[in-house]
Amino acid sequence: MRKGLLDILKGKFLVSGDAPKNWMFLLYASFLAALMISSSHNADKKVMEIADLNEEVRKLKSEFFQGRSNVQQLKLESTLRKEVADKGLVPSENPPKKIVVKSAE
């Protein structure tokens, strides 16, 4: 057991008679490791991009709700009265009258 461990540590399996088979396996294992590392980096990049997009969506929703709130505030009658009072317009003292037109038929 000790001799086998020492042979592995010294690298004798890379120069022995069946070394090409060992080299092919090492190349294959290295390729798979590089592929796995690349895949995990791509996944991490996508996770970060999704987090950034979620943050942007949250900000845009906040801006939308703020804008909608401002528009609702501007549509109030009291706000409209203040805005048009600066231009000299005031509400009518007399209520409007309904005009009814009867047809001749």
N, C-alpha and C. Protein backbone atom coordinates (compact mmCIF):
# COMPACT_ATOMS: atom_id res chain seq x y z
N MET A 1 0.83 -1.19 0.00
CA MET A 1 0.00 0.00 0.00
C MET A 1 0.87 1.25 0.00
N ARG A 2 1.93 1.20 0.83
CA ARG A 2 2.81 2.35 0.93
C ARG A 2 3.55 2.58 -0.38
N LYS A 3 3.97 1.49 -1.02
CA LYS A 3 4.70 1.60 -2.29
C LYS A 3 3.79 2.19 -3.37
N GLY A 4 2.53 1.78 -3.39
CA GLY A 4 1.58 2.29 -4.37
C GLY A 4 1.33 3.78 -4.19
N LEU A 5 1.24 4.22 -2.94
CA LEU A 5 1.04 5.64 -2.65
C LEU A 5 2.26 6.45 -3.05
N LEU A 6 3.45 5.91 -2.79
CA LEU A 6 4.68 6.60 -3.18
C LEU A 6 4.82 6.68 -4.70
N ASP A 7 4.40 5.62 -5.39
CA ASP A 7 4.45 5.64 -6.86
C ASP A 7 3.53 6.73 -7.42
N ILE A 8 2.37 6.90 -6.82
CA ILE A 8 1.43 7.94 -7.27
C ILE A 8 2.02 9.32 -7.00
N LEU A 9 2.59 9.51 -5.80
CA LEU A 9 3.17 10.81 -5.45
C LEU A 9 4.37 11.15 -6.33
N LYS A 10 5.15 10.17 -6.70
CA LYS A 10 6.31 10.40 -7.55
C LYS A 10 5.92 10.56 -9.02
N GLY A 11 4.72 10.15 -9.39
CA GLY A 11 4.25 10.29 -10.76
C GLY A 11 4.69 9.17 -11.67
N LYS A 12 5.00 8.01 -11.13
CA LYS A 12 5.46 6.90 -11.96
C LYS A 12 4.36 6.39 -12.89
N PHE A 13 3.12 6.62 -12.53
CA PHE A 13 2.02 6.15 -13.39
C PHE A 13 1.96 6.95 -14.69
N LEU A 14 2.65 8.10 -14.73
CA LEU A 14 2.65 8.90 -15.95
C LEU A 14 3.75 8.51 -16.93
N VAL A 15 4.74 7.75 -16.46
CA VAL A 15 5.85 7.36 -17.33
C VAL A 15 5.98 5.86 -17.47
N SER A 16 5.10 5.12 -16.92
CA SER A 16 5.17 3.65 -17.00
C SER A 16 4.72 3.19 -18.38
N GLY A 17 4.61 1.89 -18.58
CA GLY A 17 4.29 1.30 -19.88
C GLY A 17 2.91 1.68 -20.40
N ASP A 18 1.90 1.78 -19.55
CA ASP A 18 0.56 2.12 -20.02
C ASP A 18 0.25 3.61 -19.75
N ALA A 19 1.26 4.47 -19.86
CA ALA A 19 1.12 5.90 -19.59
C ALA A 19 0.16 6.61 -20.55
N PRO A 20 0.13 6.28 -21.85
CA PRO A 20 -0.81 7.00 -22.73
C PRO A 20 -2.27 6.89 -22.27
N LYS A 21 -2.62 5.74 -21.73
CA LYS A 21 -3.98 5.58 -21.23
C LYS A 21 -4.22 6.51 -20.04
N ASN A 22 -3.23 6.61 -19.16
CA ASN A 22 -3.35 7.50 -18.01
C ASN A 22 -3.39 8.97 -18.44
N TRP A 23 -2.56 9.31 -19.43
CA TRP A 23 -2.57 10.70 -19.92
C TRP A 23 -3.91 11.07 -20.52
N MET A 24 -4.50 10.15 -21.27
CA MET A 24 -5.81 10.41 -21.87
C MET A 24 -6.87 10.64 -20.79
N PHE A 25 -6.82 9.83 -19.74
CA PHE A 25 -7.77 10.01 -18.66
C PHE A 25 -7.56 11.35 -17.97
N LEU A 26 -6.29 11.73 -17.74
CA LEU A 26 -6.01 13.03 -17.10
C LEU A 26 -6.48 14.19 -17.97
N LEU A 27 -6.28 14.09 -19.27
CA LEU A 27 -6.76 15.13 -20.18
C LEU A 27 -8.29 15.22 -20.16
N TYR A 28 -8.93 14.06 -20.16
CA TYR A 28 -10.39 14.01 -20.09
C TYR A 28 -10.89 14.63 -18.79
N ALA A 29 -10.28 14.25 -17.67
CA ALA A 29 -10.69 14.80 -16.36
C ALA A 29 -10.43 16.30 -16.30
N SER A 30 -9.33 16.76 -16.87
CA SER A 30 -9.02 18.20 -16.89
C SER A 30 -10.05 18.96 -17.73
N PHE A 31 -10.41 18.38 -18.88
CA PHE A 31 -11.42 19.01 -19.73
C PHE A 31 -12.76 19.12 -19.00
N LEU A 32 -13.15 18.03 -18.33
CA LEU A 32 -14.42 18.07 -17.59
C LEU A 32 -14.37 19.10 -16.45
N ALA A 33 -13.24 19.21 -15.78
CA ALA A 33 -13.11 20.19 -14.69
C ALA A 33 -13.21 21.61 -15.24
N ALA A 34 -12.54 21.87 -16.37
CA ALA A 34 -12.61 23.20 -16.98
C ALA A 34 -14.03 23.51 -17.44
N LEU A 35 -14.70 22.53 -18.00
CA LEU A 35 -16.08 22.71 -18.42
C LEU A 35 -16.99 23.02 -17.23
N MET A 36 -16.80 22.31 -16.14
CA MET A 36 -17.61 22.53 -14.94
C MET A 36 -17.36 23.93 -14.37
N ILE A 37 -16.11 24.37 -14.33
CA ILE A 37 -15.78 25.70 -13.82
C ILE A 37 -16.40 26.77 -14.71
N SER A 38 -16.29 26.59 -16.01
CA SER A 38 -16.88 27.55 -16.94
C SER A 38 -18.40 27.62 -16.77
N SER A 39 -19.02 26.48 -16.63
CA SER A 39 -20.47 26.43 -16.45
C SER A 39 -20.90 27.13 -15.16
N SER A 40 -20.16 26.92 -14.09
CA SER A 40 -20.53 27.57 -12.83
C SER A 40 -20.33 29.08 -12.90
N HIS A 41 -19.29 29.54 -13.63
CA HIS A 41 -19.10 30.98 -13.80
C HIS A 41 -20.24 31.60 -14.61
N ASN A 42 -20.66 30.90 -15.65
CA ASN A 42 -21.79 31.39 -16.45
C ASN A 42 -23.07 31.44 -15.62
N ALA A 43 -23.30 30.43 -14.80
CA ALA A 43 -24.48 30.42 -13.95
C ALA A 43 -24.43 31.57 -12.95
N ASP A 44 -23.27 31.82 -12.35
CA ASP A 44 -23.13 32.93 -11.41
C ASP A 44 -23.38 34.26 -12.11
N LYS A 45 -22.89 34.40 -13.33
CA LYS A 45 -23.10 35.64 -14.08
C LYS A 45 -24.59 35.86 -14.33
N LYS A 46 -25.30 34.79 -14.69
CA LYS A 46 -26.73 34.91 -14.94
C LYS A 46 -27.50 35.26 -13.65
N VAL A 47 -27.09 34.67 -12.54
CA VAL A 47 -27.74 34.98 -11.26
C VAL A 47 -27.55 36.46 -10.91
N MET A 48 -26.35 36.99 -11.14
CA MET A 48 -26.09 38.39 -10.86
C MET A 48 -26.91 39.29 -11.80
N GLU A 49 -27.02 38.89 -13.05
CA GLU A 49 -27.81 39.67 -14.01
C GLU A 49 -29.28 39.67 -13.61
N ILE A 50 -29.80 38.53 -13.17
CA ILE A 50 -31.19 38.45 -12.73
C ILE A 50 -31.41 39.33 -11.50
N ALA A 51 -30.46 39.33 -10.58
CA ALA A 51 -30.58 40.18 -9.39
C ALA A 51 -30.59 41.66 -9.78
N ASP A 52 -29.74 42.05 -10.73
CA ASP A 52 -29.72 43.44 -11.20
C ASP A 52 -31.04 43.82 -11.86
N LEU A 53 -31.57 42.92 -12.68
CA LEU A 53 -32.84 43.19 -13.35
C LEU A 53 -33.99 43.28 -12.36
N ASN A 54 -33.98 42.43 -11.34
CA ASN A 54 -35.02 42.51 -10.31
C ASN A 54 -34.96 43.84 -9.56
N GLU A 55 -33.75 44.31 -9.29
CA GLU A 55 -33.59 45.61 -8.63
C GLU A 55 -34.12 46.73 -9.51
N GLU A 56 -33.83 46.65 -10.81
CA GLU A 56 -34.32 47.67 -11.74
C GLU A 56 -35.84 47.64 -11.83
N VAL A 57 -36.43 46.45 -11.85
CA VAL A 57 -37.89 46.32 -11.88
C VAL A 57 -38.49 46.93 -10.62
N ARG A 58 -37.87 46.69 -9.48
CA ARG A 58 -38.37 47.25 -8.23
C ARG A 58 -38.35 48.78 -8.26
N LYS A 59 -37.27 49.35 -8.79
CA LYS A 59 -37.17 50.81 -8.89
C LYS A 59 -38.21 51.38 -9.86
N LEU A 60 -38.38 50.70 -11.00
CA LEU A 60 -39.35 51.17 -11.98
C LEU A 60 -40.78 51.09 -11.45
N LYS A 61 -41.09 50.04 -10.69
CA LYS A 61 -42.41 49.94 -10.08
C LYS A 61 -42.64 51.07 -9.09
N SER A 62 -41.62 51.37 -8.32
CA SER A 62 -41.71 52.46 -7.36
C SER A 62 -41.96 53.79 -8.07
N GLU A 63 -41.23 54.05 -9.16
CA GLU A 63 -41.45 55.27 -9.93
C GLU A 63 -42.85 55.31 -10.51
N PHE A 64 -43.33 54.18 -11.00
CA PHE A 64 -44.67 54.12 -11.57
C PHE A 64 -45.73 54.45 -10.52
N PHE A 65 -45.63 53.85 -9.35
CA PHE A 65 -46.61 54.12 -8.31
C PHE A 65 -46.55 55.57 -7.84
N GLN A 66 -45.35 56.14 -7.79
CA GLN A 66 -45.20 57.54 -7.41
C GLN A 66 -45.85 58.44 -8.46
N GLY A 67 -45.63 58.13 -9.73
CA GLY A 67 -46.24 58.91 -10.81
C GLY A 67 -47.75 58.79 -10.80
N ARG A 68 -48.25 57.59 -10.59
CA ARG A 68 -49.70 57.41 -10.54
C ARG A 68 -50.31 58.16 -9.37
N SER A 69 -49.62 58.17 -8.25
CA SER A 69 -50.10 58.91 -7.08
C SER A 69 -50.13 60.41 -7.38
N ASN A 70 -49.09 60.90 -8.07
CA ASN A 70 -49.07 62.33 -8.42
C ASN A 70 -50.22 62.68 -9.37
N VAL A 71 -50.49 61.83 -10.34
CA VAL A 71 -51.58 62.08 -11.28
C VAL A 71 -52.92 62.08 -10.55
N GLN A 72 -53.12 61.16 -9.65
CA GLN A 72 -54.37 61.12 -8.89
C GLN A 72 -54.52 62.38 -8.04
N GLN A 73 -53.43 62.85 -7.50
CA GLN A 73 -53.46 64.07 -6.69
C GLN A 73 -53.83 65.26 -7.57
N LEU A 74 -53.29 65.30 -8.79
CA LEU A 74 -53.58 66.42 -9.70
C LEU A 74 -55.03 66.41 -10.20
N LYS A 75 -55.67 65.24 -10.22
CA LYS A 75 -57.04 65.14 -10.70
C LYS A 75 -58.07 65.57 -9.67
N LEU A 76 -57.66 65.77 -8.43
CA LEU A 76 -58.61 66.17 -7.39
C LEU A 76 -59.16 67.56 -7.68
N GLU A 77 -60.43 67.79 -7.33
CA GLU A 77 -61.08 69.07 -7.60
C GLU A 77 -60.37 70.22 -6.88
N SER A 78 -59.95 69.99 -5.66
CA SER A 78 -59.28 71.05 -4.90
C SER A 78 -57.97 71.46 -5.57
N THR A 79 -57.25 70.50 -6.10
CA THR A 79 -55.99 70.81 -6.79
C THR A 79 -56.27 71.58 -8.08
N LEU A 80 -57.30 71.15 -8.80
CA LEU A 80 -57.66 71.86 -10.03
C LEU A 80 -58.08 73.30 -9.74
N ARG A 81 -58.83 73.51 -8.68
CA ARG A 81 -59.26 74.88 -8.31
C ARG A 81 -58.05 75.76 -8.03
N LYS A 82 -57.06 75.23 -7.34
CA LYS A 82 -55.86 76.01 -7.05
C LYS A 82 -55.12 76.35 -8.33
N GLU A 83 -55.02 75.39 -9.24
CA GLU A 83 -54.29 75.60 -10.49
C GLU A 83 -54.95 76.65 -11.38
N VAL A 84 -56.28 76.58 -11.51
CA VAL A 84 -56.97 77.52 -12.39
C VAL A 84 -57.22 78.86 -11.72
N ALA A 85 -57.17 78.94 -10.41
CA ALA A 85 -57.35 80.22 -9.70
C ALA A 85 -56.21 81.17 -10.05
N ASP A 86 -55.02 80.65 -10.30
CA ASP A 86 -53.90 81.49 -10.70
C ASP A 86 -54.14 82.14 -12.07
N LYS A 87 -54.95 81.51 -12.87
CA LYS A 87 -55.25 82.04 -14.21
C LYS A 87 -56.52 82.87 -14.23
N GLY A 88 -57.15 83.04 -13.08
CA GLY A 88 -58.34 83.89 -12.99
C GLY A 88 -59.65 83.15 -13.16
N LEU A 89 -59.63 81.86 -13.23
CA LEU A 89 -60.86 81.09 -13.36
C LEU A 89 -61.35 80.67 -11.99
N VAL A 90 -62.67 80.84 -11.78
CA VAL A 90 -63.27 80.45 -10.50
C VAL A 90 -64.50 79.60 -10.78
N PRO A 91 -64.92 78.79 -9.84
CA PRO A 91 -66.13 77.98 -10.06
C PRO A 91 -67.38 78.88 -10.15
N SER A 92 -68.34 78.43 -10.88
CA SER A 92 -69.58 79.18 -11.08
C SER A 92 -70.39 79.20 -9.78
N GLU A 93 -71.03 80.34 -9.54
CA GLU A 93 -71.89 80.46 -8.35
C GLU A 93 -73.23 79.77 -8.59
N ASN A 94 -73.71 79.82 -9.83
CA ASN A 94 -75.01 79.22 -10.17
C ASN A 94 -74.78 77.80 -10.68
N PRO A 95 -75.56 76.86 -10.20
CA PRO A 95 -75.40 75.49 -10.71
C PRO A 95 -75.87 75.41 -12.17
N PRO A 96 -75.35 74.49 -12.93
CA PRO A 96 -75.77 74.36 -14.32
C PRO A 96 -77.22 73.87 -14.41
N LYS A 97 -77.89 74.27 -15.51
CA LYS A 97 -79.28 73.85 -15.73
C LYS A 97 -79.32 72.86 -16.87
N LYS A 98 -80.21 71.92 -16.75
CA LYS A 98 -80.34 70.89 -17.77
C LYS A 98 -81.33 71.37 -18.83
N ILE A 99 -80.94 71.26 -20.07
CA ILE A 99 -81.81 71.66 -21.18
C ILE A 99 -82.40 70.40 -21.76
N VAL A 100 -83.73 70.35 -21.80
CA VAL A 100 -84.44 69.20 -22.33
C VAL A 100 -85.06 69.59 -23.65
N VAL A 101 -84.77 68.88 -24.70
CA VAL A 101 -85.31 69.14 -26.03
C VAL A 101 -86.32 68.03 -26.33
N LYS A 102 -87.56 68.45 -26.59
CA LYS A 102 -88.58 67.47 -26.93
C LYS A 102 -88.68 67.36 -28.44
N SER A 103 -88.77 66.17 -28.91
CA SER A 103 -88.84 65.96 -30.35
C SER A 103 -90.27 66.22 -30.84
N ALA A 104 -90.41 66.56 -32.07
CA ALA A 104 -91.70 66.91 -32.64
C ALA A 104 -92.54 65.68 -32.94
N GLU A 105 -92.04 64.55 -32.93
CA GLU A 105 -92.76 63.34 -33.30
C GLU A 105 -93.69 62.92 -32.27
